[in-house]
């Protein structure tokens, strides 16, 4: 009887020894799994919190320090909207071959308009922005041909320009803003000429038109001037 009891006791000792090792292994594996799960939750929480996220924010598409002339072509500054519409010019009663007109003046430009009659009618509109000045002048003055590169010389009053930009007004009047690239001095002059049947000449139907700018004018200023000139409309 004592023998059988001894055998049973040894068997139970062996069983509990194996069971203890298995239980210990399960506890270790479970602890590792729980730790990994908790770590994952912590990382997710940090990433969703914004301030603790390690994801880099996208770089801004525009450097606010860039000047307009250095912006990419698809990010050019828009042309300012017209601030006002001004009416000027002389009608047929003046005895001159000009027309009354209206022009859209862009924001940032100031105007000066005067009409006098001291033996002859004179109407002057001057638009100014900084040192740039656009002048439209109606008076009893002579005219001249406007010649450009490859145009033959003309026997009579004429002015020659080696560069020009073409503008079509609201009334389909075709004008050219002409200039010479070799101008010297601190200012640069531009003259507007109107297309006739076969050639260009001045004055235009709106009057003698000229533009004065610094020697190296800002391209944005020239675009604004051309936009205002393109808005010219004859008043009947």
C-alpha atoms as a PDB file:
ATOM      1  CA  UNK A   1       0.000   0.000   0.000  1.00  0.00           C
ATOM      2  CA  UNK A   2       2.813   2.388   0.847  1.00  0.00           C
ATOM      3  CA  UNK A   3       4.397   1.655  -2.549  1.00  0.00           C
ATOM      4  CA  UNK A   4       1.290   2.709  -4.488  1.00  0.00           C
ATOM      5  CA  UNK A   5       0.970   5.899  -2.486  1.00  0.00           C
ATOM      6  CA  UNK A   6       4.595   6.744  -3.240  1.00  0.00           C
ATOM      7  CA  UNK A   7       4.046   6.179  -6.993  1.00  0.00           C
ATOM      8  CA  UNK A   8       0.946   8.403  -7.023  1.00  0.00           C
ATOM      9  CA  UNK A   9       2.776  11.176  -5.198  1.00  0.00           C
ATOM     10  CA  UNK A  10       5.712  11.097  -7.663  1.00  0.00           C
ATOM     11  CA  UNK A  11       3.251  11.178 -10.617  1.00  0.00           C
ATOM     12  CA  UNK A  12       1.425  14.186  -9.201  1.00  0.00           C
ATOM     13  CA  UNK A  13       4.718  16.004  -8.580  1.00  0.00           C
ATOM     14  CA  UNK A  14       5.724  15.453 -12.225  1.00  0.00           C
ATOM     15  CA  UNK A  15       2.291  16.625 -13.502  1.00  0.00           C
ATOM     16  CA  UNK A  16       2.351  19.844 -11.502  1.00  0.00           C
ATOM     17  CA  UNK A  17       5.948  20.489 -12.510  1.00  0.00           C
ATOM     18  CA  UNK A  18       5.056  20.319 -16.251  1.00  0.00           C
ATOM     19  CA  UNK A  19       1.810  22.301 -15.724  1.00  0.00           C
ATOM     20  CA  UNK A  20       3.728  25.051 -13.896  1.00  0.00           C
ATOM     21  CA  UNK A  21       6.197  25.463 -16.753  1.00  0.00           C
ATOM     22  CA  UNK A  22       3.390  25.655 -19.338  1.00  0.00           C
ATOM     23  CA  UNK A  23       1.503  28.172 -17.232  1.00  0.00           C
ATOM     24  CA  UNK A  24       4.642  30.291 -16.832  1.00  0.00           C
ATOM     25  CA  UNK A  25       5.207  30.256 -20.599  1.00  0.00           C
ATOM     26  CA  UNK A  26       1.606  31.341 -21.240  1.00  0.00           C
ATOM     27  CA  UNK A  27       1.972  34.188 -18.764  1.00  0.00           C
ATOM     28  CA  UNK A  28       5.183  35.427 -20.466  1.00  0.00           C
ATOM     29  CA  UNK A  29       3.681  35.246 -23.989  1.00  0.00           C
ATOM     30  CA  UNK A  30       0.513  36.978 -22.815  1.00  0.00           C
ATOM     31  CA  UNK A  31       2.536  39.773 -21.237  1.00  0.00           C
ATOM     32  CA  UNK A  32       4.520  40.355 -24.419  1.00  0.00           C
ATOM     33  CA  UNK A  33       1.331  40.441 -26.527  1.00  0.00           C
ATOM     34  CA  UNK A  34      -0.354  42.881 -24.153  1.00  0.00           C
ATOM     35  CA  UNK A  35       2.696  45.145 -24.141  1.00  0.00           C
ATOM     36  CA  UNK A  36       2.822  45.239 -27.932  1.00  0.00           C
ATOM     37  CA  UNK A  37      -0.906  46.008 -28.087  1.00  0.00           C
ATOM     38  CA  UNK A  38      -0.569  48.826 -25.559  1.00  0.00           C
ATOM     39  CA  UNK A  39       2.429  50.301 -27.408  1.00  0.00           C
ATOM     40  CA  UNK A  40       0.453  50.263 -30.676  1.00  0.00           C
ATOM     41  CA  UNK A  41      -2.443  52.115 -29.080  1.00  0.00           C
ATOM     42  CA  UNK A  42      -0.062  54.713 -27.686  1.00  0.00           C
ATOM     43  CA  UNK A  43       1.582  55.343 -31.082  1.00  0.00           C
ATOM     44  CA  UNK A  44      -1.801  55.648 -32.781  1.00  0.00           C
ATOM     45  CA  UNK A  45      -2.983  58.095 -30.139  1.00  0.00           C
ATOM     46  CA  UNK A  46       0.101  60.277 -30.596  1.00  0.00           C
ATOM     47  CA  UNK A  47      -0.170  60.325 -34.383  1.00  0.00           C
ATOM     48  CA  UNK A  48      -3.838  61.288 -34.259  1.00  0.00           C
ATOM     49  CA  UNK A  49      -3.212  64.079 -31.782  1.00  0.00           C
ATOM     50  CA  UNK A  50      -1.546  66.476 -34.280  1.00  0.00           C
ATOM     51  CA  UNK A  51       1.112  68.031 -32.072  1.00  0.00           C
ATOM     52  CA  UNK A  52       2.904  64.750 -31.383  1.00  0.00           C
ATOM     53  CA  UNK A  53       2.675  63.462 -34.974  1.00  0.00           C
ATOM     54  CA  UNK A  54       5.953  62.880 -36.728  1.00  0.00           C
ATOM     55  CA  UNK A  55       4.379  63.313 -40.215  1.00  0.00           C
ATOM     56  CA  UNK A  56       5.916  66.335 -41.932  1.00  0.00           C
ATOM     57  CA  UNK A  57       3.518  69.123 -43.001  1.00  0.00           C
ATOM     58  CA  UNK A  58       3.469  69.902 -46.758  1.00  0.00           C
ATOM     59  CA  UNK A  59       5.623  72.852 -47.778  1.00  0.00           C
ATOM     60  CA  UNK A  60       3.705  76.045 -48.772  1.00  0.00           C
ATOM     61  CA  UNK A  61       3.227  76.434 -52.530  1.00  0.00           C
ATOM     62  CA  UNK A  62       3.928  80.168 -52.485  1.00  0.00           C
ATOM     63  CA  UNK A  63       6.714  82.081 -50.836  1.00  0.00           C
ATOM     64  CA  UNK A  64       5.041  85.270 -49.553  1.00  0.00           C
ATOM     65  CA  UNK A  65       8.334  87.079 -49.958  1.00  0.00           C
ATOM     66  CA  UNK A  66       8.405  86.682 -53.736  1.00  0.00           C
ATOM     67  CA  UNK A  67       7.947  89.863 -55.722  1.00  0.00           C
ATOM     68  CA  UNK A  68       5.234  89.738 -58.448  1.00  0.00           C
ATOM     69  CA  UNK A  69       7.826  89.643 -61.206  1.00  0.00           C
ATOM     70  CA  UNK A  70       9.447  86.523 -59.715  1.00  0.00           C
ATOM     71  CA  UNK A  71       6.258  84.510 -59.269  1.00  0.00           C
ATOM     72  CA  UNK A  72       5.689  81.458 -61.489  1.00  0.00           C
ATOM     73  CA  UNK A  73       3.716  82.172 -64.691  1.00  0.00           C
ATOM     74  CA  UNK A  74       0.550  80.585 -63.271  1.00  0.00           C
ATOM     75  CA  UNK A  75       0.685  82.795 -60.179  1.00  0.00           C
ATOM     76  CA  UNK A  76       0.925  86.266 -61.692  1.00  0.00           C
ATOM     77  CA  UNK A  77      -0.862  89.032 -59.845  1.00  0.00           C
ATOM     78  CA  UNK A  78      -4.245  89.939 -61.350  1.00  0.00           C
ATOM     79  CA  UNK A  79      -4.807  93.226 -63.118  1.00  0.00           C
ATOM     80  CA  UNK A  80      -6.496  95.699 -60.738  1.00  0.00           C
ATOM     81  CA  UNK A  81     -10.184  96.350 -61.385  1.00  0.00           C
ATOM     82  CA  UNK A  82     -11.299  99.693 -62.811  1.00  0.00           C
ATOM     83  CA  UNK A  83     -11.839 102.185 -59.992  1.00  0.00           C
ATOM     84  CA  UNK A  84     -13.797 104.653 -62.120  1.00  0.00           C
ATOM     85  CA  UNK A  85     -14.832 105.593 -65.653  1.00  0.00           C
ATOM     86  CA  UNK A  86     -13.882 109.083 -66.840  1.00  0.00           C
ATOM     87  CA  UNK A  87     -15.399 111.018 -69.745  1.00  0.00           C
ATOM     88  CA  UNK A  88     -13.267 113.557 -71.583  1.00  0.00           C
ATOM     89  CA  UNK A  89     -12.556 115.026 -75.011  1.00  0.00           C
ATOM     90  CA  UNK A  90     -14.111 117.566 -77.393  1.00  0.00           C
ATOM     91  CA  UNK A  91     -17.144 117.139 -79.615  1.00  0.00           C
ATOM     92  CA  UNK A  92     -17.651 118.342 -83.186  1.00  0.00           C
ATOM     93  CA  UNK A  93     -18.589 121.854 -82.021  1.00  0.00           C
ATOM     94  CA  UNK A  94     -14.901 122.470 -81.243  1.00  0.00           C
ATOM     95  CA  UNK A  95     -14.131 122.401 -84.962  1.00  0.00           C
ATOM     96  CA  UNK A  96     -11.489 119.718 -84.370  1.00  0.00           C
ATOM     97  CA  UNK A  97     -11.507 116.179 -85.751  1.00  0.00           C
ATOM     98  CA  UNK A  98     -11.433 114.452 -82.369  1.00  0.00           C
ATOM     99  CA  UNK A  99     -14.160 112.673 -80.444  1.00  0.00           C
ATOM    100  CA  UNK A 100     -15.433 112.703 -76.916  1.00  0.00           C
ATOM    101  CA  UNK A 101     -14.468 109.467 -75.189  1.00  0.00           C
ATOM    102  CA  UNK A 102     -14.550 107.521 -71.964  1.00  0.00           C
ATOM    103  CA  UNK A 103     -11.797 105.485 -70.372  1.00  0.00           C
ATOM    104  CA  UNK A 104     -11.706 103.040 -67.457  1.00  0.00           C
ATOM    105  CA  UNK A 105      -9.130 104.140 -64.906  1.00  0.00           C
ATOM    106  CA  UNK A 106      -7.548 101.381 -62.819  1.00  0.00           C
ATOM    107  CA  UNK A 107      -7.071 101.514 -59.076  1.00  0.00           C
ATOM    108  CA  UNK A 108      -3.935 103.364 -57.973  1.00  0.00           C
ATOM    109  CA  UNK A 109      -4.078 105.877 -60.841  1.00  0.00           C
ATOM    110  CA  UNK A 110      -5.050 109.509 -60.237  1.00  0.00           C
ATOM    111  CA  UNK A 111      -6.561 111.734 -62.908  1.00  0.00           C
ATOM    112  CA  UNK A 112      -6.359 115.398 -63.852  1.00  0.00           C
ATOM    113  CA  UNK A 113      -8.759 116.708 -66.513  1.00  0.00           C
ATOM    114  CA  UNK A 114      -9.144 120.193 -67.931  1.00  0.00           C
ATOM    115  CA  UNK A 115     -10.941 121.821 -70.883  1.00  0.00           C
ATOM    116  CA  UNK A 116     -10.092 125.381 -71.942  1.00  0.00           C
ATOM    117  CA  UNK A 117     -10.984 127.721 -74.795  1.00  0.00           C
ATOM    118  CA  UNK A 118      -8.628 130.659 -75.144  1.00  0.00           C
ATOM    119  CA  UNK A 119      -9.092 131.257 -78.851  1.00  0.00           C
ATOM    120  CA  UNK A 120      -8.881 127.503 -79.514  1.00  0.00           C
ATOM    121  CA  UNK A 121     -10.208 124.481 -77.687  1.00  0.00           C
ATOM    122  CA  UNK A 122      -7.833 122.339 -75.648  1.00  0.00           C
ATOM    123  CA  UNK A 123      -8.769 119.216 -73.676  1.00  0.00           C
ATOM    124  CA  UNK A 124      -6.179 117.411 -71.561  1.00  0.00           C
ATOM    125  CA  UNK A 125      -6.524 114.222 -69.509  1.00  0.00           C
ATOM    126  CA  UNK A 126      -3.533 113.089 -67.481  1.00  0.00           C
ATOM    127  CA  UNK A 127      -3.427 109.792 -65.568  1.00  0.00           C
ATOM    128  CA  UNK A 128      -0.607 109.353 -63.061  1.00  0.00           C
ATOM    129  CA  UNK A 129       0.736 106.480 -60.965  1.00  0.00           C
ATOM    130  CA  UNK A 130       4.029 107.104 -59.219  1.00  0.00           C
ATOM    131  CA  UNK A 131       6.378 108.470 -61.884  1.00  0.00           C
ATOM    132  CA  UNK A 132       4.385 106.995 -64.789  1.00  0.00           C
ATOM    133  CA  UNK A 133       2.134 109.424 -66.672  1.00  0.00           C
ATOM    134  CA  UNK A 134      -0.350 108.757 -69.491  1.00  0.00           C
ATOM    135  CA  UNK A 135      -1.515 111.883 -71.321  1.00  0.00           C
ATOM    136  CA  UNK A 136      -4.334 112.301 -73.865  1.00  0.00           C
ATOM    137  CA  UNK A 137      -4.240 115.770 -75.430  1.00  0.00           C
ATOM    138  CA  UNK A 138      -6.739 117.262 -77.902  1.00  0.00           C
ATOM    139  CA  UNK A 139      -5.812 120.560 -79.581  1.00  0.00           C
ATOM    140  CA  UNK A 140      -5.250 122.140 -82.998  1.00  0.00           C
ATOM    141  CA  UNK A 141      -1.829 120.635 -83.683  1.00  0.00           C
ATOM    142  CA  UNK A 142      -0.205 118.959 -86.641  1.00  0.00           C
ATOM    143  CA  UNK A 143       0.121 115.243 -87.302  1.00  0.00           C
ATOM    144  CA  UNK A 144       2.882 112.861 -88.318  1.00  0.00           C
ATOM    145  CA  UNK A 145       3.419 109.399 -89.777  1.00  0.00           C
ATOM    146  CA  UNK A 146       4.550 106.641 -87.437  1.00  0.00           C
ATOM    147  CA  UNK A 147       7.249 104.412 -88.942  1.00  0.00           C
ATOM    148  CA  UNK A 148       8.504 101.094 -87.621  1.00  0.00           C
ATOM    149  CA  UNK A 149      11.287  98.649 -88.468  1.00  0.00           C
ATOM    150  CA  UNK A 150      11.354  97.848 -92.227  1.00  0.00           C
ATOM    151  CA  UNK A 151       8.996 100.740 -93.056  1.00  0.00           C
ATOM    152  CA  UNK A 152      10.428 102.953 -95.837  1.00  0.00           C
ATOM    153  CA  UNK A 153      11.269 106.559 -95.080  1.00  0.00           C
ATOM    154  CA  UNK A 154       8.501 109.104 -95.524  1.00  0.00           C
ATOM    155  CA  UNK A 155       8.942 112.551 -97.043  1.00  0.00           C
ATOM    156  CA  UNK A 156       7.155 114.636 -94.489  1.00  0.00           C
ATOM    157  CA  UNK A 157       6.605 114.787 -90.721  1.00  0.00           C
ATOM    158  CA  UNK A 158       7.265 111.352 -89.233  1.00  0.00           C
ATOM    159  CA  UNK A 159       8.563 109.545 -86.183  1.00  0.00           C
ATOM    160  CA  UNK A 160      10.325 106.178 -86.251  1.00  0.00           C
ATOM    161  CA  UNK A 161      10.189 103.501 -83.550  1.00  0.00           C
ATOM    162  CA  UNK A 162      12.081 100.219 -83.357  1.00  0.00           C
ATOM    163  CA  UNK A 163       9.599  98.526 -80.998  1.00  0.00           C
ATOM    164  CA  UNK A 164       5.858  98.583 -80.457  1.00  0.00           C
ATOM    165  CA  UNK A 165       2.946  96.855 -78.770  1.00  0.00           C
ATOM    166  CA  UNK A 166      -0.431  96.685 -80.551  1.00  0.00           C
ATOM    167  CA  UNK A 167      -3.712  97.432 -78.800  1.00  0.00           C
ATOM    168  CA  UNK A 168      -7.316  97.207 -80.046  1.00  0.00           C
ATOM    169  CA  UNK A 169      -9.806  99.454 -78.253  1.00  0.00           C
ATOM    170  CA  UNK A 170     -13.434  98.756 -77.387  1.00  0.00           C
ATOM    171  CA  UNK A 171     -14.420 100.435 -80.685  1.00  0.00           C
ATOM    172  CA  UNK A 172     -11.967  98.298 -82.689  1.00  0.00           C
ATOM    173  CA  UNK A 173      -9.548 101.188 -83.153  1.00  0.00           C
ATOM    174  CA  UNK A 174      -6.085  99.685 -83.660  1.00  0.00           C
ATOM    175  CA  UNK A 175      -3.306 101.517 -81.831  1.00  0.00           C
ATOM    176  CA  UNK A 176       0.403 100.957 -81.423  1.00  0.00           C
ATOM    177  CA  UNK A 177       2.390 101.963 -78.359  1.00  0.00           C
ATOM    178  CA  UNK A 178       5.781 102.649 -79.956  1.00  0.00           C
ATOM    179  CA  UNK A 179       9.177 103.293 -78.383  1.00  0.00           C
ATOM    180  CA  UNK A 180      12.898 103.154 -79.067  1.00  0.00           C
ATOM    181  CA  UNK A 181      15.096 100.755 -77.113  1.00  0.00           C
ATOM    182  CA  UNK A 182      18.073 103.116 -77.291  1.00  0.00           C
ATOM    183  CA  UNK A 183      16.439 105.964 -75.368  1.00  0.00           C
ATOM    184  CA  UNK A 184      18.832 107.642 -72.961  1.00  0.00           C
ATOM    185  CA  UNK A 185      18.212 109.556 -69.745  1.00  0.00           C
ATOM    186  CA  UNK A 186      16.205 108.894 -66.615  1.00  0.00           C
ATOM    187  CA  UNK A 187      12.824 108.623 -68.363  1.00  0.00           C
ATOM    188  CA  UNK A 188      11.398 106.678 -71.289  1.00  0.00           C
ATOM    189  CA  UNK A 189       8.826 107.956 -73.759  1.00  0.00           C
ATOM    190  CA  UNK A 190       6.113 106.048 -75.619  1.00  0.00           C
ATOM    191  CA  UNK A 191       3.851 107.350 -78.384  1.00  0.00           C
ATOM    192  CA  UNK A 192       0.464 105.933 -79.397  1.00  0.00           C
ATOM    193  CA  UNK A 193      -0.320 105.895 -83.102  1.00  0.00           C
ATOM    194  CA  UNK A 194      -3.534 104.879 -84.882  1.00  0.00           C
ATOM    195  CA  UNK A 195      -3.851 102.588 -87.865  1.00  0.00           C
ATOM    196  CA  UNK A 196      -5.246 104.241 -90.976  1.00  0.00           C
ATOM    197  CA  UNK A 197      -5.997 102.711 -94.362  1.00  0.00           C
ATOM    198  CA  UNK A 198      -2.428 101.628 -95.056  1.00  0.00           C
ATOM    199  CA  UNK A 199      -0.224 103.099 -92.333  1.00  0.00           C
ATOM    200  CA  UNK A 200      -0.073 104.361 -88.741  1.00  0.00           C
ATOM    201  CA  UNK A 201      -0.089 107.988 -87.721  1.00  0.00           C
ATOM    202  CA  UNK A 202      -0.708 110.463 -84.924  1.00  0.00           C
ATOM    203  CA  UNK A 203      -2.742 112.013 -83.442  1.00  0.00           C
ATOM    204  CA  UNK A 204      -5.350 109.342 -82.833  1.00  0.00           C
ATOM    205  CA  UNK A 205      -9.099 109.961 -82.907  1.00  0.00           C
ATOM    206  CA  UNK A 206      -8.828 110.294 -79.102  1.00  0.00           C
ATOM    207  CA  UNK A 207      -6.049 112.881 -79.381  1.00  0.00           C
ATOM    208  CA  UNK A 208      -2.273 112.945 -79.060  1.00  0.00           C
ATOM    209  CA  UNK A 209      -1.455 110.101 -76.675  1.00  0.00           C
ATOM    210  CA  UNK A 210       1.854 109.679 -74.898  1.00  0.00           C
ATOM    211  CA  UNK A 211       3.275 107.785 -71.925  1.00  0.00           C
ATOM    212  CA  UNK A 212       6.272 108.715 -69.800  1.00  0.00           C
ATOM    213  CA  UNK A 213       7.877 106.212 -67.416  1.00  0.00           C
ATOM    214  CA  UNK A 214      11.214 105.655 -65.661  1.00  0.00           C
ATOM    215  CA  UNK A 215      14.038 104.522 -67.943  1.00  0.00           C
ATOM    216  CA  UNK A 216      13.376 100.890 -66.959  1.00  0.00           C
ATOM    217  CA  UNK A 217       9.581 100.733 -66.583  1.00  0.00           C
ATOM    218  CA  UNK A 218       7.849  98.048 -64.559  1.00  0.00           C
ATOM    219  CA  UNK A 219       6.111  95.576 -66.870  1.00  0.00           C
ATOM    220  CA  UNK A 220       3.032  95.642 -64.616  1.00  0.00           C
ATOM    221  CA  UNK A 221       2.673  99.397 -65.171  1.00  0.00           C
ATOM    222  CA  UNK A 222       2.812  98.943 -68.951  1.00  0.00           C
ATOM    223  CA  UNK A 223       0.150  96.223 -68.749  1.00  0.00           C
ATOM    224  CA  UNK A 224      -2.100  98.543 -66.754  1.00  0.00           C
ATOM    225  CA  UNK A 225      -1.609 101.368 -69.262  1.00  0.00           C
ATOM    226  CA  UNK A 226      -2.418  99.082 -72.187  1.00  0.00           C
ATOM    227  CA  UNK A 227      -5.543  97.834 -70.368  1.00  0.00           C
ATOM    228  CA  UNK A 228      -6.759 101.389 -69.810  1.00  0.00           C
ATOM    229  CA  UNK A 229      -6.031 102.379 -73.422  1.00  0.00           C
ATOM    230  CA  UNK A 230      -7.891  99.275 -74.629  1.00  0.00           C
ATOM    231  CA  UNK A 231     -10.963 100.458 -72.670  1.00  0.00           C
ATOM    232  CA  UNK A 232     -11.195 103.698 -74.683  1.00  0.00           C
ATOM    233  CA  UNK A 233     -14.668 104.117 -76.170  1.00  0.00           C
ATOM    234  CA  UNK A 234     -15.899 106.910 -78.460  1.00  0.00           C
ATOM    235  CA  UNK A 235     -18.905 108.876 -77.208  1.00  0.00           C
ATOM    236  CA  UNK A 236     -21.168 109.985 -80.052  1.00  0.00           C
END
